[in-house]
Amino acid sequence: MAEEQPVSNAEVHEAHCGAEGEKTIRKSHHSAEFKNSLTSRLNRIEGQVRGIKGLIEKDTYCDDVLNQIAAVQSALNGVGKLLLEGHMKSCVIERMQAGEPEVIDELLVTVKKLIR
């Protein structure tokens, strides 16, 4: 479920204008299990990236490093797909039901960024 929290106008955030001109930040509310799953995946990816750095420092053969980079990119794409699915099944549906059809345009921009 999306929840909005007001922040000061001085803070720089991508946000929608709320009541009385205050900026707001949208938050998602995924289950603890879902967040833990994403966090675990990201921790593994973080380790893979550190491993790639080590390979480069050790002058590992380029093809081997490139294969590891491809694995990290694939893993990040997997996290993105899971998060996109969760976003569409919760945040997007809620905003559509709340009469905010502009969420579809926002979603399309995000999907375009993901498939570059």
PDB file of N, CA and C in Angstrom:
ATOM      1  N   MET A   1       0.836  -1.170   0.000  1.00  0.00           N
ATOM      2  CA  MET A   1       0.000   0.000   0.000  1.00  0.00           C
ATOM      3  C   MET A   1       0.884   1.237   0.000  1.00  0.00           C
ATOM      4  N   ALA A   2       0.520   2.233  -0.733  1.00  0.00           N
ATOM      5  CA  ALA A   2       1.316   3.449  -0.811  1.00  0.00           C
ATOM      6  C   ALA A   2       0.913   4.398   0.305  1.00  0.00           C
ATOM      7  N   GLU A   3       1.927   4.980   0.950  1.00  0.00           N
ATOM      8  CA  GLU A   3       1.687   5.951   2.006  1.00  0.00           C
ATOM      9  C   GLU A   3       2.514   7.173   1.676  1.00  0.00           C
ATOM     10  N   GLU A   4       1.971   8.354   1.916  1.00  0.00           N
ATOM     11  CA  GLU A   4       2.695   9.575   1.614  1.00  0.00           C
ATOM     12  C   GLU A   4       3.120  10.243   2.911  1.00  0.00           C
ATOM     13  N   GLN A   5       4.386  10.723   2.928  1.00  0.00           N
ATOM     14  CA  GLN A   5       4.884  11.462   4.062  1.00  0.00           C
ATOM     15  C   GLN A   5       5.323  12.834   3.590  1.00  0.00           C
ATOM     16  N   PRO A   6       4.870  13.912   4.255  1.00  0.00           N
ATOM     17  CA  PRO A   6       5.313  15.243   3.838  1.00  0.00           C
ATOM     18  C   PRO A   6       6.775  15.471   4.219  1.00  0.00           C
ATOM     19  N   VAL A   7       7.493  16.208   3.358  1.00  0.00           N
ATOM     20  CA  VAL A   7       8.866  16.619   3.635  1.00  0.00           C
ATOM     21  C   VAL A   7       8.965  18.099   3.330  1.00  0.00           C
ATOM     22  N   SER A   8      10.020  18.744   3.807  1.00  0.00           N
ATOM     23  CA  SER A   8      10.143  20.179   3.576  1.00  0.00           C
ATOM     24  C   SER A   8      10.356  20.452   2.095  1.00  0.00           C
ATOM     25  N   ASN A   9       9.918  21.626   1.650  1.00  0.00           N
ATOM     26  CA  ASN A   9      10.090  22.014   0.249  1.00  0.00           C
ATOM     27  C   ASN A   9      11.552  22.164  -0.114  1.00  0.00           C
ATOM     28  N   ALA A  10      12.425  22.369   0.868  1.00  0.00           N
ATOM     29  CA  ALA A  10      13.849  22.543   0.594  1.00  0.00           C
ATOM     30  C   ALA A  10      14.520  21.234   0.196  1.00  0.00           C
ATOM     31  N   GLU A  11      13.942  20.118   0.601  1.00  0.00           N
ATOM     32  CA  GLU A  11      14.541  18.834   0.258  1.00  0.00           C
ATOM     33  C   GLU A  11      14.311  18.530  -1.212  1.00  0.00           C
ATOM     34  N   VAL A  12      15.324  17.946  -1.805  1.00  0.00           N
ATOM     35  CA  VAL A  12      15.244  17.630  -3.221  1.00  0.00           C
ATOM     36  C   VAL A  12      14.807  16.179  -3.361  1.00  0.00           C
ATOM     37  N   HIS A  13      13.608  15.990  -3.864  1.00  0.00           N
ATOM     38  CA  HIS A  13      13.047  14.659  -4.071  1.00  0.00           C
ATOM     39  C   HIS A  13      12.175  14.695  -5.313  1.00  0.00           C
ATOM     40  N   GLU A  14      12.127  13.564  -5.985  1.00  0.00           N
ATOM     41  CA  GLU A  14      11.111  13.432  -7.019  1.00  0.00           C
ATOM     42  C   GLU A  14       9.843  13.122  -6.263  1.00  0.00           C
ATOM     43  N   ALA A  15       8.880  13.963  -6.382  1.00  0.00           N
ATOM     44  CA  ALA A  15       7.672  13.785  -5.599  1.00  0.00           C
ATOM     45  C   ALA A  15       6.501  14.448  -6.277  1.00  0.00           C
ATOM     46  N   HIS A  16       5.340  14.157  -5.784  1.00  0.00           N
ATOM     47  CA  HIS A  16       4.114  14.788  -6.251  1.00  0.00           C
ATOM     48  C   HIS A  16       3.768  15.898  -5.279  1.00  0.00           C
ATOM     49  N   CYS A  17       3.121  16.935  -5.741  1.00  0.00           N
ATOM     50  CA  CYS A  17       2.714  18.009  -4.849  1.00  0.00           C
ATOM     51  C   CYS A  17       1.507  17.563  -4.050  1.00  0.00           C
ATOM     52  N   GLY A  18       1.592  17.774  -2.769  1.00  0.00           N
ATOM     53  CA  GLY A  18       0.505  17.414  -1.880  1.00  0.00           C
ATOM     54  C   GLY A  18      -0.307  18.638  -1.523  1.00  0.00           C
ATOM     55  N   ALA A  19      -1.080  18.541  -0.470  1.00  0.00           N
ATOM     56  CA  ALA A  19      -1.899  19.655  -0.008  1.00  0.00           C
ATOM     57  C   ALA A  19      -1.013  20.816   0.393  1.00  0.00           C
ATOM     58  N   GLU A  20      -1.477  22.013   0.160  1.00  0.00           N
ATOM     59  CA  GLU A  20      -0.816  23.250   0.539  1.00  0.00           C
ATOM     60  C   GLU A  20       0.603  23.357  -0.008  1.00  0.00           C
ATOM     61  N   GLY A  21       0.869  22.756  -1.162  1.00  0.00           N
ATOM     62  CA  GLY A  21       2.146  22.902  -1.817  1.00  0.00           C
ATOM     63  C   GLY A  21       3.287  22.096  -1.216  1.00  0.00           C
ATOM     64  N   GLU A  22       3.033  21.303  -0.170  1.00  0.00           N
ATOM     65  CA  GLU A  22       4.094  20.473   0.403  1.00  0.00           C
ATOM     66  C   GLU A  22       4.435  19.357  -0.564  1.00  0.00           C
ATOM     67  N   LYS A  23       5.700  18.999  -0.589  1.00  0.00           N
ATOM     68  CA  LYS A  23       6.094  17.865  -1.410  1.00  0.00           C
ATOM     69  C   LYS A  23       5.919  16.598  -0.582  1.00  0.00           C
ATOM     70  N   THR A  24       5.611  15.518  -1.255  1.00  0.00           N
ATOM     71  CA  THR A  24       5.419  14.253  -0.567  1.00  0.00           C
ATOM     72  C   THR A  24       6.233  13.173  -1.260  1.00  0.00           C
ATOM     73  N   ILE A  25       6.587  12.167  -0.502  1.00  0.00           N
ATOM     74  CA  ILE A  25       7.306  11.019  -1.044  1.00  0.00           C
ATOM     75  C   ILE A  25       6.394   9.817  -0.914  1.00  0.00           C
ATOM     76  N   ARG A  26       6.259   9.081  -1.983  1.00  0.00           N
ATOM     77  CA  ARG A  26       5.462   7.863  -1.942  1.00  0.00           C
ATOM     78  C   ARG A  26       6.332   6.741  -1.415  1.00  0.00           C
ATOM     79  N   LYS A  27       5.744   5.885  -0.606  1.00  0.00           N
ATOM     80  CA  LYS A  27       6.455   4.724  -0.081  1.00  0.00           C
ATOM     81  C   LYS A  27       5.649   3.488  -0.405  1.00  0.00           C
ATOM     82  N   SER A  28       6.369   2.411  -0.662  1.00  0.00           N
ATOM     83  CA  SER A  28       5.680   1.139  -0.865  1.00  0.00           C
ATOM     84  C   SER A  28       5.703   0.371   0.445  1.00  0.00           C
ATOM     85  N   HIS A  29       4.785  -0.530   0.580  1.00  0.00           N
ATOM     86  CA  HIS A  29       4.700  -1.347   1.788  1.00  0.00           C
ATOM     87  C   HIS A  29       4.646  -2.810   1.373  1.00  0.00           C
ATOM     88  N   HIS A  30       5.814  -3.343   1.097  1.00  0.00           N
ATOM     89  CA  HIS A  30       5.900  -4.753   0.755  1.00  0.00           C
ATOM     90  C   HIS A  30       6.072  -5.553   2.044  1.00  0.00           C
ATOM     91  N   SER A  31       5.747  -6.813   1.964  1.00  0.00           N
ATOM     92  CA  SER A  31       5.874  -7.663   3.137  1.00  0.00           C
ATOM     93  C   SER A  31       7.342  -7.789   3.541  1.00  0.00           C
ATOM     94  N   ALA A  32       7.554  -8.124   4.785  1.00  0.00           N
ATOM     95  CA  ALA A  32       8.919  -8.318   5.284  1.00  0.00           C
ATOM     96  C   ALA A  32       9.599  -9.434   4.503  1.00  0.00           C
ATOM     97  N   GLU A  33       8.851 -10.468   4.164  1.00  0.00           N
ATOM     98  CA  GLU A  33       9.408 -11.591   3.391  1.00  0.00           C
ATOM     99  C   GLU A  33       9.897 -11.118   2.019  1.00  0.00           C
ATOM    100  N   PHE A  34       9.113 -10.294   1.351  1.00  0.00           N
ATOM    101  CA  PHE A  34       9.475  -9.783   0.034  1.00  0.00           C
ATOM    102  C   PHE A  34      10.719  -8.903   0.137  1.00  0.00           C
ATOM    103  N   LYS A  35      10.729  -7.998   1.119  1.00  0.00           N
ATOM    104  CA  LYS A  35      11.891  -7.124   1.298  1.00  0.00           C
ATOM    105  C   LYS A  35      13.140  -7.933   1.641  1.00  0.00           C
ATOM    106  N   ASN A  36      12.987  -8.954   2.488  1.00  0.00           N
ATOM    107  CA  ASN A  36      14.129  -9.792   2.835  1.00  0.00           C
ATOM    108  C   ASN A  36      14.664 -10.530   1.621  1.00  0.00           C
ATOM    109  N   SER A  37      13.763 -10.985   0.761  1.00  0.00           N
ATOM    110  CA  SER A  37      14.181 -11.663  -0.464  1.00  0.00           C
ATOM    111  C   SER A  37      14.979 -10.726  -1.365  1.00  0.00           C
ATOM    112  N   LEU A  38      14.473  -9.516  -1.562  1.00  0.00           N
ATOM    113  CA  LEU A  38      15.183  -8.541  -2.393  1.00  0.00           C
ATOM    114  C   LEU A  38      16.524  -8.176  -1.774  1.00  0.00           C
ATOM    115  N   THR A  39      16.528  -7.971  -0.462  1.00  0.00           N
ATOM    116  CA  THR A  39      17.768  -7.614   0.227  1.00  0.00           C
ATOM    117  C   THR A  39      18.802  -8.725   0.119  1.00  0.00           C
ATOM    118  N   SER A  40      18.377  -9.961   0.267  1.00  0.00           N
ATOM    119  CA  SER A  40      19.305 -11.097   0.135  1.00  0.00           C
ATOM    120  C   SER A  40      19.905 -11.151  -1.267  1.00  0.00           C
ATOM    121  N   ARG A  41      19.060 -10.968  -2.266  1.00  0.00           N
ATOM    122  CA  ARG A  41      19.553 -10.961  -3.646  1.00  0.00           C
ATOM    123  C   ARG A  41      20.555  -9.835  -3.865  1.00  0.00           C
ATOM    124  N   LEU A  42      20.232  -8.653  -3.335  1.00  0.00           N
ATOM    125  CA  LEU A  42      21.124  -7.504  -3.501  1.00  0.00           C
ATOM    126  C   LEU A  42      22.440  -7.695  -2.747  1.00  0.00           C
ATOM    127  N   ASN A  43      22.386  -8.354  -1.595  1.00  0.00           N
ATOM    128  CA  ASN A  43      23.621  -8.651  -0.868  1.00  0.00           C
ATOM    129  C   ASN A  43      24.522  -9.590  -1.669  1.00  0.00           C
ATOM    130  N   ARG A  44      23.913 -10.582  -2.312  1.00  0.00           N
ATOM    131  CA  ARG A  44      24.699 -11.491  -3.161  1.00  0.00           C
ATOM    132  C   ARG A  44      25.308 -10.735  -4.336  1.00  0.00           C
ATOM    133  N   ILE A  45      24.513  -9.861  -4.937  1.00  0.00           N
ATOM    134  CA  ILE A  45      24.999  -9.060  -6.066  1.00  0.00           C
ATOM    135  C   ILE A  45      26.151  -8.167  -5.613  1.00  0.00           C
ATOM    136  N   GLU A  46      26.003  -7.572  -4.462  1.00  0.00           N
ATOM    137  CA  GLU A  46      27.060  -6.720  -3.918  1.00  0.00           C
ATOM    138  C   GLU A  46      28.358  -7.517  -3.764  1.00  0.00           C
ATOM    139  N   GLY A  47      28.238  -8.743  -3.284  1.00  0.00           N
ATOM    140  CA  GLY A  47      29.409  -9.613  -3.166  1.00  0.00           C
ATOM    141  C   GLY A  47      30.009  -9.938  -4.527  1.00  0.00           C
ATOM    142  N   GLN A  48      29.143 -10.176  -5.507  1.00  0.00           N
ATOM    143  CA  GLN A  48      29.628 -10.447  -6.867  1.00  0.00           C
ATOM    144  C   GLN A  48      30.399  -9.251  -7.418  1.00  0.00           C
ATOM    145  N   VAL A  49      29.900  -8.053  -7.169  1.00  0.00           N
ATOM    146  CA  VAL A  49      30.568  -6.847  -7.663  1.00  0.00           C
ATOM    147  C   VAL A  49      31.932  -6.701  -6.999  1.00  0.00           C
ATOM    148  N   ARG A  50      31.994  -6.941  -5.689  1.00  0.00           N
ATOM    149  CA  ARG A  50      33.291  -6.898  -5.007  1.00  0.00           C
ATOM    150  C   ARG A  50      34.238  -7.953  -5.594  1.00  0.00           C
ATOM    151  N   GLY A  51      33.684  -9.111  -5.934  1.00  0.00           N
ATOM    152  CA  GLY A  51      34.492 -10.159  -6.558  1.00  0.00           C
ATOM    153  C   GLY A  51      35.046  -9.725  -7.907  1.00  0.00           C
ATOM    154  N   ILE A  52      34.238  -9.032  -8.688  1.00  0.00           N
ATOM    155  CA  ILE A  52      34.688  -8.535  -9.996  1.00  0.00           C
ATOM    156  C   ILE A  52      35.822  -7.535  -9.801  1.00  0.00           C
ATOM    157  N   LYS A  53      35.670  -6.684  -8.823  1.00  0.00           N
ATOM    158  CA  LYS A  53      36.737  -5.715  -8.529  1.00  0.00           C
ATOM    159  C   LYS A  53      38.032  -6.446  -8.213  1.00  0.00           C
ATOM    160  N   GLY A  54      37.922  -7.499  -7.419  1.00  0.00           N
ATOM    161  CA  GLY A  54      39.102  -8.301  -7.088  1.00  0.00           C
ATOM    162  C   GLY A  54      39.710  -8.966  -8.311  1.00  0.00           C
ATOM    163  N   LEU A  55      38.858  -9.448  -9.218  1.00  0.00           N
ATOM    164  CA  LEU A  55      39.362 -10.069 -10.449  1.00  0.00           C
ATOM    165  C   LEU A  55      40.151  -9.073 -11.278  1.00  0.00           C
ATOM    166  N   ILE A  56      39.646  -7.861 -11.357  1.00  0.00           N
ATOM    167  CA  ILE A  56      40.337  -6.826 -12.128  1.00  0.00           C
ATOM    168  C   ILE A  56      41.674  -6.486 -11.469  1.00  0.00           C
ATOM    169  N   GLU A  57      41.656  -6.374 -10.139  1.00  0.00           N
ATOM    170  CA  GLU A  57      42.899  -6.070  -9.425  1.00  0.00           C
ATOM    171  C   GLU A  57      43.944  -7.171  -9.610  1.00  0.00           C
ATOM    172  N   LYS A  58      43.493  -8.421  -9.805  1.00  0.00           N
ATOM    173  CA  LYS A  58      44.403  -9.561  -9.976  1.00  0.00           C
ATOM    174  C   LYS A  58      44.750  -9.815 -11.441  1.00  0.00           C
ATOM    175  N   ASP A  59      44.344  -8.883 -12.323  1.00  0.00           N
ATOM    176  CA  ASP A  59      44.606  -9.020 -13.758  1.00  0.00           C
ATOM    177  C   ASP A  59      44.033 -10.306 -14.342  1.00  0.00           C
ATOM    178  N   THR A  60      42.844 -10.679 -13.904  1.00  0.00           N
ATOM    179  CA  THR A  60      42.159 -11.868 -14.422  1.00  0.00           C
ATOM    180  C   THR A  60      41.830 -11.658 -15.891  1.00  0.00           C
ATOM    181  N   TYR A  61      41.867 -12.731 -16.639  1.00  0.00           N
ATOM    182  CA  TYR A  61      41.584 -12.706 -18.068  1.00  0.00           C
ATOM    183  C   TYR A  61      40.239 -12.011 -18.321  1.00  0.00           C
ATOM    184  N   CYS A  62      40.249 -11.088 -19.259  1.00  0.00           N
ATOM    185  CA  CYS A  62      39.083 -10.221 -19.529  1.00  0.00           C
ATOM    186  C   CYS A  62      37.794 -11.000 -19.753  1.00  0.00           C
ATOM    187  N   ASP A  63      37.853 -12.085 -20.496  1.00  0.00           N
ATOM    188  CA  ASP A  63      36.648 -12.858 -20.797  1.00  0.00           C
ATOM    189  C   ASP A  63      36.000 -13.382 -19.518  1.00  0.00           C
ATOM    190  N   ASP A  64      36.832 -13.799 -18.564  1.00  0.00           N
ATOM    191  CA  ASP A  64      36.299 -14.287 -17.288  1.00  0.00           C
ATOM    192  C   ASP A  64      35.615 -13.160 -16.512  1.00  0.00           C
ATOM    193  N   VAL A  65      36.207 -11.977 -16.540  1.00  0.00           N
ATOM    194  CA  VAL A  65      35.616 -10.824 -15.860  1.00  0.00           C
ATOM    195  C   VAL A  65      34.304 -10.432 -16.534  1.00  0.00           C
ATOM    196  N   LEU A  66      34.303 -10.416 -17.845  1.00  0.00           N
ATOM    197  CA  LEU A  66      33.085 -10.062 -18.588  1.00  0.00           C
ATOM    198  C   LEU A  66      31.956 -11.038 -18.302  1.00  0.00           C
ATOM    199  N   ASN A  67      32.273 -12.313 -18.153  1.00  0.00           N
ATOM    200  CA  ASN A  67      31.243 -13.300 -17.812  1.00  0.00           C
ATOM    201  C   ASN A  67      30.665 -13.029 -16.432  1.00  0.00           C
ATOM    202  N   GLN A  68      31.496 -12.598 -15.506  1.00  0.00           N
ATOM    203  CA  GLN A  68      31.002 -12.249 -14.172  1.00  0.00           C
ATOM    204  C   GLN A  68      30.135 -10.992 -14.211  1.00  0.00           C
ATOM    205  N   ILE A  69      30.532 -10.051 -15.042  1.00  0.00           N
ATOM    206  CA  ILE A  69      29.721  -8.832 -15.203  1.00  0.00           C
ATOM    207  C   ILE A  69      28.351  -9.187 -15.774  1.00  0.00           C
ATOM    208  N   ALA A  70      28.315 -10.081 -16.742  1.00  0.00           N
ATOM    209  CA  ALA A  70      27.041 -10.521 -17.319  1.00  0.00           C
ATOM    210  C   ALA A  70      26.169 -11.186 -16.258  1.00  0.00           C
ATOM    211  N   ALA A  71      26.782 -11.952 -15.362  1.00  0.00           N
ATOM    212  CA  ALA A  71      26.024 -12.605 -14.294  1.00  0.00           C
ATOM    213  C   ALA A  71      25.418 -11.575 -13.345  1.00  0.00           C
ATOM    214  N   VAL A  72      26.176 -10.522 -13.022  1.00  0.00           N
ATOM    215  CA  VAL A  72      25.659  -9.470 -12.151  1.00  0.00           C
ATOM    216  C   VAL A  72      24.506  -8.732 -12.825  1.00  0.00           C
ATOM    217  N   GLN A  73      24.671  -8.430 -14.115  1.00  0.00           N
ATOM    218  CA  GLN A  73      23.599  -7.743 -14.836  1.00  0.00           C
ATOM    219  C   GLN A  73      22.328  -8.583 -14.846  1.00  0.00           C
ATOM    220  N   SER A  74      22.473  -9.874 -15.046  1.00  0.00           N
ATOM    221  CA  SER A  74      21.318 -10.769 -15.042  1.00  0.00           C
ATOM    222  C   SER A  74      20.655 -10.798 -13.664  1.00  0.00           C
ATOM    223  N   ALA A  75      21.475 -10.850 -12.625  1.00  0.00           N
ATOM    224  CA  ALA A  75      20.933 -10.875 -11.271  1.00  0.00           C
ATOM    225  C   ALA A  75      20.196  -9.572 -10.959  1.00  0.00           C
ATOM    226  N   LEU A  76      20.755  -8.439 -11.371  1.00  0.00           N
ATOM    227  CA  LEU A  76      20.071  -7.154 -11.160  1.00  0.00           C
ATOM    228  C   LEU A  76      18.758  -7.094 -11.933  1.00  0.00           C
ATOM    229  N   ASN A  77      18.764  -7.620 -13.154  1.00  0.00           N
ATOM    230  CA  ASN A  77      17.521  -7.670 -13.928  1.00  0.00           C
ATOM    231  C   ASN A  77      16.468  -8.495 -13.203  1.00  0.00           C
ATOM    232  N   GLY A  78      16.892  -9.577 -12.562  1.00  0.00           N
ATOM    233  CA  GLY A  78      15.960 -10.413 -11.803  1.00  0.00           C
ATOM    234  C   GLY A  78      15.339  -9.648 -10.643  1.00  0.00           C
ATOM    235  N   VAL A  79      16.154  -8.890  -9.923  1.00  0.00           N
ATOM    236  CA  VAL A  79      15.635  -8.070  -8.825  1.00  0.00           C
ATOM    237  C   VAL A  79      14.656  -7.036  -9.374  1.00  0.00           C
ATOM    238  N   GLY A  80      15.025  -6.407 -10.488  1.00  0.00           N
ATOM    239  CA  GLY A  80      14.152  -5.411 -11.102  1.00  0.00           C
ATOM    240  C   GLY A  80      12.815  -5.991 -11.507  1.00  0.00           C
ATOM    241  N   LYS A  81      12.833  -7.190 -12.074  1.00  0.00           N
ATOM    242  CA  LYS A  81      11.579  -7.834 -12.497  1.00  0.00           C
ATOM    243  C   LYS A  81      10.685  -8.136 -11.303  1.00  0.00           C
ATOM    244  N   LEU A  82      11.282  -8.641 -10.223  1.00  0.00           N
ATOM    245  CA  LEU A  82      10.489  -8.931  -9.027  1.00  0.00           C
ATOM    246  C   LEU A  82       9.878  -7.663  -8.439  1.00  0.00           C
ATOM    247  N   LEU A  83      10.683  -6.615  -8.365  1.00  0.00           N
ATOM    248  CA  LEU A  83      10.186  -5.359  -7.810  1.00  0.00           C
ATOM    249  C   LEU A  83       9.120  -4.735  -8.708  1.00  0.00           C
ATOM    250  N   LEU A  84       9.319  -4.822 -10.012  1.00  0.00           N
ATOM    251  CA  LEU A  84       8.320  -4.310 -10.951  1.00  0.00           C
ATOM    252  C   LEU A  84       7.000  -5.056 -10.788  1.00  0.00           C
ATOM    253  N   GLU A  85       7.061  -6.358 -10.660  1.00  0.00           N
ATOM    254  CA  GLU A  85       5.853  -7.154 -10.469  1.00  0.00           C
ATOM    255  C   GLU A  85       5.128  -6.742  -9.186  1.00  0.00           C
ATOM    256  N   GLY A  86       5.893  -6.606  -8.107  1.00  0.00           N
ATOM    257  CA  GLY A  86       5.289  -6.183  -6.839  1.00  0.00           C
ATOM    258  C   GLY A  86       4.684  -4.798  -6.946  1.00  0.00           C
ATOM    259  N   HIS A  87       5.373  -3.906  -7.643  1.00  0.00           N
ATOM    260  CA  HIS A  87       4.889  -2.544  -7.832  1.00  0.00           C
ATOM    261  C   HIS A  87       3.571  -2.540  -8.601  1.00  0.00           C
ATOM    262  N   MET A  88       3.517  -3.319  -9.658  1.00  0.00           N
ATOM    263  CA  MET A  88       2.299  -3.347 -10.477  1.00  0.00           C
ATOM    264  C   MET A  88       1.130  -3.955  -9.714  1.00  0.00           C
ATOM    265  N   LYS A  89       1.400  -4.984  -8.917  1.00  0.00           N
ATOM    266  CA  LYS A  89       0.326  -5.669  -8.192  1.00  0.00           C
ATOM    267  C   LYS A  89      -0.153  -4.897  -6.970  1.00  0.00           C
ATOM    268  N   SER A  90       0.633  -3.931  -6.522  1.00  0.00           N
ATOM    269  CA  SER A  90       0.195  -3.192  -5.331  1.00  0.00           C
ATOM    270  C   SER A  90       0.074  -1.704  -5.625  1.00  0.00           C
ATOM    271  N   CYS A  91       1.174  -1.026  -5.748  1.00  0.00           N
ATOM    272  CA  CYS A  91       1.165   0.438  -5.869  1.00  0.00           C
ATOM    273  C   CYS A  91       0.347   0.924  -7.068  1.00  0.00           C
ATOM    274  N   VAL A  92       0.576   0.329  -8.222  1.00  0.00           N
ATOM    275  CA  VAL A  92      -0.110   0.788  -9.440  1.00  0.00           C
ATOM    276  C   VAL A  92      -1.616   0.555  -9.326  1.00  0.00           C
ATOM    277  N   ILE A  93      -1.995  -0.620  -8.876  1.00  0.00           N
ATOM    278  CA  ILE A  93      -3.423  -0.921  -8.733  1.00  0.00           C
ATOM    279  C   ILE A  93      -4.076   0.034  -7.740  1.00  0.00           C
ATOM    280  N   GLU A  94      -3.410   0.263  -6.606  1.00  0.00           N
ATOM    281  CA  GLU A  94      -3.975   1.167  -5.601  1.00  0.00           C
ATOM    282  C   GLU A  94      -4.165   2.569  -6.152  1.00  0.00           C
ATOM    283  N   ARG A  95      -3.168   3.064  -6.870  1.00  0.00           N
ATOM    284  CA  ARG A  95      -3.284   4.424  -7.409  1.00  0.00           C
ATOM    285  C   ARG A  95      -4.347   4.509  -8.502  1.00  0.00           C
ATOM    286  N   MET A  96      -4.483   3.476  -9.299  1.00  0.00           N
ATOM    287  CA  MET A  96      -5.555   3.454 -10.303  1.00  0.00           C
ATOM    288  C   MET A  96      -6.914   3.484  -9.602  1.00  0.00           C
ATOM    289  N   GLN A  97      -7.063   2.677  -8.563  1.00  0.00           N
ATOM    290  CA  GLN A  97      -8.320   2.644  -7.820  1.00  0.00           C
ATOM    291  C   GLN A  97      -8.596   3.963  -7.113  1.00  0.00           C
ATOM    292  N   ALA A  98      -7.532   4.703  -6.796  1.00  0.00           N
ATOM    293  CA  ALA A  98      -7.684   6.008  -6.142  1.00  0.00           C
ATOM    294  C   ALA A  98      -7.932   7.114  -7.156  1.00  0.00           C
ATOM    295  N   GLY A  99      -8.066   6.744  -8.431  1.00  0.00           N
ATOM    296  CA  GLY A  99      -8.354   7.742  -9.457  1.00  0.00           C
ATOM    297  C   GLY A  99      -7.127   8.500  -9.934  1.00  0.00           C
ATOM    298  N   GLU A 100      -5.984   7.823  -9.966  1.00  0.00           N
ATOM    299  CA  GLU A 100      -4.746   8.448 -10.421  1.00  0.00           C
ATOM    300  C   GLU A 100      -4.219   7.735 -11.672  1.00  0.00           C
ATOM    301  N   PRO A 101      -4.862   7.941 -12.814  1.00  0.00           N
ATOM    302  CA  PRO A 101      -4.440   7.229 -14.027  1.00  0.00           C
ATOM    303  C   PRO A 101      -3.046   7.621 -14.502  1.00  0.00           C
ATOM    304  N   GLU A 102      -2.501   8.748 -14.012  1.00  0.00           N
ATOM    305  CA  GLU A 102      -1.153   9.152 -14.421  1.00  0.00           C
ATOM    306  C   GLU A 102      -0.095   8.150 -13.970  1.00  0.00           C
ATOM    307  N   VAL A 103      -0.468   7.253 -13.072  1.00  0.00           N
ATOM    308  CA  VAL A 103       0.479   6.224 -12.627  1.00  0.00           C
ATOM    309  C   VAL A 103       0.909   5.337 -13.799  1.00  0.00           C
ATOM    310  N   ILE A 104       0.057   5.202 -14.808  1.00  0.00           N
ATOM    311  CA  ILE A 104       0.405   4.385 -15.975  1.00  0.00           C
ATOM    312  C   ILE A 104       1.536   5.051 -16.757  1.00  0.00           C
ATOM    313  N   ASP A 105       1.467   6.362 -16.933  1.00  0.00           N
ATOM    314  CA  ASP A 105       2.553   7.070 -17.615  1.00  0.00           C
ATOM    315  C   ASP A 105       3.859   6.924 -16.836  1.00  0.00           C
ATOM    316  N   GLU A 106       3.781   7.045 -15.524  1.00  0.00           N
ATOM    317  CA  GLU A 106       4.951   6.872 -14.659  1.00  0.00           C
ATOM    318  C   GLU A 106       5.531   5.469 -14.833  1.00  0.00           C
ATOM    319  N   LEU A 107       4.650   4.474 -14.854  1.00  0.00           N
ATOM    320  CA  LEU A 107       5.067   3.083 -15.018  1.00  0.00           C
ATOM    321  C   LEU A 107       5.741   2.867 -16.369  1.00  0.00           C
ATOM    322  N   LEU A 108       5.191   3.451 -17.418  1.00  0.00           N
ATOM    323  CA  LEU A 108       5.773   3.297 -18.757  1.00  0.00           C
ATOM    324  C   LEU A 108       7.172   3.889 -18.829  1.00  0.00           C
ATOM    325  N   VAL A 109       7.382   5.025 -18.204  1.00  0.00           N
ATOM    326  CA  VAL A 109       8.715   5.635 -18.161  1.00  0.00           C
ATOM    327  C   VAL A 109       9.687   4.697 -17.448  1.00  0.00           C
ATOM    328  N   THR A 110       9.240   4.136 -16.329  1.00  0.00           N
ATOM    329  CA  THR A 110      10.093   3.229 -15.563  1.00  0.00           C
ATOM    330  C   THR A 110      10.421   1.972 -16.360  1.00  0.00           C
ATOM    331  N   VAL A 111       9.439   1.391 -17.024  1.00  0.00           N
ATOM    332  CA  VAL A 111       9.675   0.178 -17.817  1.00  0.00           C
ATOM    333  C   VAL A 111      10.663   0.468 -18.942  1.00  0.00           C
ATOM    334  N   LYS A 112      10.522   1.620 -19.583  1.00  0.00           N
ATOM    335  CA  LYS A 112      11.462   1.983 -20.646  1.00  0.00           C
ATOM    336  C   LYS A 112      12.883   2.060 -20.115  1.00  0.00           C
ATOM    337  N   LYS A 113      13.059   2.593 -18.921  1.00  0.00           N
ATOM    338  CA  LYS A 113      14.382   2.667 -18.312  1.00  0.00           C
ATOM    339  C   LYS A 113      14.926   1.269 -18.022  1.00  0.00           C
ATOM    340  N   LEU A 114      14.059   0.372 -17.566  1.00  0.00           N
ATOM    341  CA  LEU A 114      14.483  -0.976 -17.235  1.00  0.00           C
ATOM    342  C   LEU A 114      14.895  -1.794 -18.445  1.00  0.00           C
ATOM    343  N   ILE A 115      14.291  -1.519 -19.603  1.00  0.00           N
ATOM    344  CA  ILE A 115      14.589  -2.355 -20.770  1.00  0.00           C
ATOM    345  C   ILE A 115      15.639  -1.763 -21.681  1.00  0.00           C
ATOM    346  N   ARG A 116      16.299  -0.721 -21.283  1.00  0.00           N
ATOM    347  CA  ARG A 116      17.378  -0.137 -22.089  1.00  0.00           C
ATOM    348  C   ARG A 116      18.509  -1.107 -22.262  1.00  0.00           C
TER     349      ARG A 116
END
